[in-house]
Amino acid sequence: MKRPQMNNLKQKWKDFIVWFIEENGLTNYKIEKCEITFISYFNTRSRKDCDNYCPKFLLDGLVCSGFIVDDDSLHVCSLTLKCEYDKNNPRTEIIINIIEG
């Protein structure tokens, strides 16, 4: 993908996450420390590279909305990427475990 197309896609994903956080009343939740798991479910069993499925774009939206303080290593202690198969319901799930203390 060419850089202008990639930047446009990145902005759309970021805007979607900000909208989703706002719609669910979670703006400025300000999670200080967490572990995040991204699970991408695909409708085929073909080989996938987990790191190609936009966690960066989604993290940017979580930070921009204030849901998490930052996506650096002081705030996101672990980042797990998984690819799974679900023929009837392809999707991406984001699981955020808050670390207390």
C-alpha atoms as a PDB file:
ATOM      1  CA  MET A   1       0.000   0.000   0.000  1.00  0.00           C
ATOM      2  CA  LYS A   2       1.313   3.460  -0.876  1.00  0.00           C
ATOM      3  CA  ARG A   3       2.026   5.911   1.950  1.00  0.00           C
ATOM      4  CA  PRO A   4      -0.988   8.244   1.303  1.00  0.00           C
ATOM      5  CA  GLN A   5      -3.319   5.227   1.265  1.00  0.00           C
ATOM      6  CA  MET A   6      -1.743   3.834   4.428  1.00  0.00           C
ATOM      7  CA  ASN A   7      -2.020   7.189   6.217  1.00  0.00           C
ATOM      8  CA  ASN A   8      -5.683   7.444   5.193  1.00  0.00           C
ATOM      9  CA  LEU A   9      -6.392   3.928   6.469  1.00  0.00           C
ATOM     10  CA  LYS A  10      -4.551   4.628   9.718  1.00  0.00           C
ATOM     11  CA  GLN A  11      -6.607   7.798  10.280  1.00  0.00           C
ATOM     12  CA  LYS A  12      -9.895   5.979   9.593  1.00  0.00           C
ATOM     13  CA  TRP A  13      -9.086   3.237  12.122  1.00  0.00           C
ATOM     14  CA  LYS A  14      -7.983   5.798  14.703  1.00  0.00           C
ATOM     15  CA  ASP A  15     -11.177   7.823  14.165  1.00  0.00           C
ATOM     16  CA  PHE A  16     -13.291   4.664  14.469  1.00  0.00           C
ATOM     17  CA  ILE A  17     -11.696   3.712  17.798  1.00  0.00           C
ATOM     18  CA  VAL A  18     -12.136   7.255  19.146  1.00  0.00           C
ATOM     19  CA  TRP A  19     -15.809   7.169  18.078  1.00  0.00           C
ATOM     20  CA  PHE A  20     -16.301   3.700  19.629  1.00  0.00           C
ATOM     21  CA  ILE A  21     -14.759   4.793  22.939  1.00  0.00           C
ATOM     22  CA  GLU A  22     -16.925   7.943  22.991  1.00  0.00           C
ATOM     23  CA  GLU A  23     -20.102   5.980  22.136  1.00  0.00           C
ATOM     24  CA  ASN A  24     -19.459   3.669  25.076  1.00  0.00           C
ATOM     25  CA  GLY A  25     -18.769   6.446  27.577  1.00  0.00           C
ATOM     26  CA  LEU A  26     -15.127   5.514  28.072  1.00  0.00           C
ATOM     27  CA  THR A  27     -13.411   8.719  26.908  1.00  0.00           C
ATOM     28  CA  ASN A  28     -10.582   9.786  29.228  1.00  0.00           C
ATOM     29  CA  TYR A  29     -10.738   6.545  31.217  1.00  0.00           C
ATOM     30  CA  LYS A  30      -6.941   6.970  31.494  1.00  0.00           C
ATOM     31  CA  ILE A  31      -5.744   3.425  32.088  1.00  0.00           C
ATOM     32  CA  GLU A  32      -2.241   3.799  33.510  1.00  0.00           C
ATOM     33  CA  LYS A  33      -0.925   0.249  33.140  1.00  0.00           C
ATOM     34  CA  CYS A  34      -2.293  -2.699  31.198  1.00  0.00           C
ATOM     35  CA  GLU A  35      -1.767  -5.740  29.034  1.00  0.00           C
ATOM     36  CA  ILE A  36      -3.481  -5.781  25.641  1.00  0.00           C
ATOM     37  CA  THR A  37      -4.400  -8.756  23.460  1.00  0.00           C
ATOM     38  CA  PHE A  38      -5.595  -8.354  19.869  1.00  0.00           C
ATOM     39  CA  ILE A  39      -7.341 -11.414  18.410  1.00  0.00           C
ATOM     40  CA  SER A  40      -8.123 -11.216  14.690  1.00  0.00           C
ATOM     41  CA  TYR A  41     -10.653 -13.818  13.528  1.00  0.00           C
ATOM     42  CA  PHE A  42     -10.583 -14.582   9.796  1.00  0.00           C
ATOM     43  CA  ASN A  43     -13.130 -16.371   7.630  1.00  0.00           C
ATOM     44  CA  THR A  44     -10.464 -18.582   6.020  1.00  0.00           C
ATOM     45  CA  ARG A  45      -7.715 -20.779   7.404  1.00  0.00           C
ATOM     46  CA  SER A  46      -5.102 -19.339   5.057  1.00  0.00           C
ATOM     47  CA  ARG A  47      -1.761 -18.355   6.542  1.00  0.00           C
ATOM     48  CA  LYS A  48      -1.670 -14.878   8.109  1.00  0.00           C
ATOM     49  CA  ASP A  49       1.018 -12.624   9.563  1.00  0.00           C
ATOM     50  CA  CYS A  50      -0.482 -11.423  12.848  1.00  0.00           C
ATOM     51  CA  ASP A  51       1.519  -8.211  12.884  1.00  0.00           C
ATOM     52  CA  ASN A  52      -0.026  -7.057   9.580  1.00  0.00           C
ATOM     53  CA  TYR A  53      -3.479  -6.481  11.040  1.00  0.00           C
ATOM     54  CA  CYS A  54      -3.347  -2.887  12.335  1.00  0.00           C
ATOM     55  CA  PRO A  55      -2.727  -3.037  16.107  1.00  0.00           C
ATOM     56  CA  LYS A  56      -0.771   0.230  15.741  1.00  0.00           C
ATOM     57  CA  PHE A  57      -3.811   1.979  14.273  1.00  0.00           C
ATOM     58  CA  LEU A  58      -6.038   0.711  17.063  1.00  0.00           C
ATOM     59  CA  LEU A  59      -3.555   1.651  19.787  1.00  0.00           C
ATOM     60  CA  ASP A  60      -3.375   5.189  18.393  1.00  0.00           C
ATOM     61  CA  GLY A  61      -7.157   5.479  18.774  1.00  0.00           C
ATOM     62  CA  LEU A  62      -7.053   4.181  22.354  1.00  0.00           C
ATOM     63  CA  VAL A  63      -4.447   6.822  23.233  1.00  0.00           C
ATOM     64  CA  CYS A  64      -6.151   9.660  21.305  1.00  0.00           C
ATOM     65  CA  SER A  65      -9.461   8.971  23.061  1.00  0.00           C
ATOM     66  CA  GLY A  66      -7.769   9.012  26.460  1.00  0.00           C
ATOM     67  CA  PHE A  67      -8.823   5.421  27.167  1.00  0.00           C
ATOM     68  CA  ILE A  68      -5.181   4.520  27.842  1.00  0.00           C
ATOM     69  CA  VAL A  69      -2.570   7.065  28.934  1.00  0.00           C
ATOM     70  CA  ASP A  70       0.002   6.027  26.301  1.00  0.00           C
ATOM     71  CA  ASP A  71       1.027   3.003  24.272  1.00  0.00           C
ATOM     72  CA  ASP A  72       4.645   3.035  25.418  1.00  0.00           C
ATOM     73  CA  SER A  73       6.257   0.266  27.481  1.00  0.00           C
ATOM     74  CA  LEU A  74       5.581   2.046  30.781  1.00  0.00           C
ATOM     75  CA  HIS A  75       1.814   1.849  30.191  1.00  0.00           C
ATOM     76  CA  VAL A  76       1.340  -1.192  27.938  1.00  0.00           C
ATOM     77  CA  CYS A  77       3.382  -3.907  29.646  1.00  0.00           C
ATOM     78  CA  SER A  78       2.550  -6.632  27.177  1.00  0.00           C
ATOM     79  CA  LEU A  79       1.034  -6.752  23.714  1.00  0.00           C
ATOM     80  CA  THR A  80      -0.210 -10.076  22.355  1.00  0.00           C
ATOM     81  CA  LEU A  81      -1.305 -10.628  18.743  1.00  0.00           C
ATOM     82  CA  LYS A  82      -3.315 -13.707  17.760  1.00  0.00           C
ATOM     83  CA  CYS A  83      -4.887 -14.907  14.521  1.00  0.00           C
ATOM     84  CA  GLU A  84      -7.860 -17.261  14.757  1.00  0.00           C
ATOM     85  CA  TYR A  85     -10.482 -18.753  12.445  1.00  0.00           C
ATOM     86  CA  ASP A  86     -14.233 -18.054  12.516  1.00  0.00           C
ATOM     87  CA  LYS A  87     -15.872 -18.675   9.165  1.00  0.00           C
ATOM     88  CA  ASN A  88     -19.189 -17.065  10.121  1.00  0.00           C
ATOM     89  CA  ASN A  89     -18.042 -14.109  12.208  1.00  0.00           C
ATOM     90  CA  PRO A  90     -14.696 -12.558  11.175  1.00  0.00           C
ATOM     91  CA  ARG A  91     -13.747  -9.777  13.589  1.00  0.00           C
ATOM     92  CA  THR A  92     -11.085  -8.311  15.816  1.00  0.00           C
ATOM     93  CA  GLU A  93     -11.384  -8.523  19.581  1.00  0.00           C
ATOM     94  CA  ILE A  94      -9.375  -6.300  21.902  1.00  0.00           C
ATOM     95  CA  ILE A  95      -8.859  -7.541  25.442  1.00  0.00           C
ATOM     96  CA  ILE A  96      -7.418  -5.067  27.938  1.00  0.00           C
ATOM     97  CA  ASN A  97      -6.320  -6.305  31.354  1.00  0.00           C
ATOM     98  CA  ILE A  98      -5.734  -3.450  33.767  1.00  0.00           C
ATOM     99  CA  ILE A  99      -2.721  -3.870  36.049  1.00  0.00           C
ATOM    100  CA  GLU A 100      -3.290  -2.366  39.478  1.00  0.00           C
ATOM    101  CA  GLY A 101      -0.627  -0.650  41.490  1.00  0.00           C
END
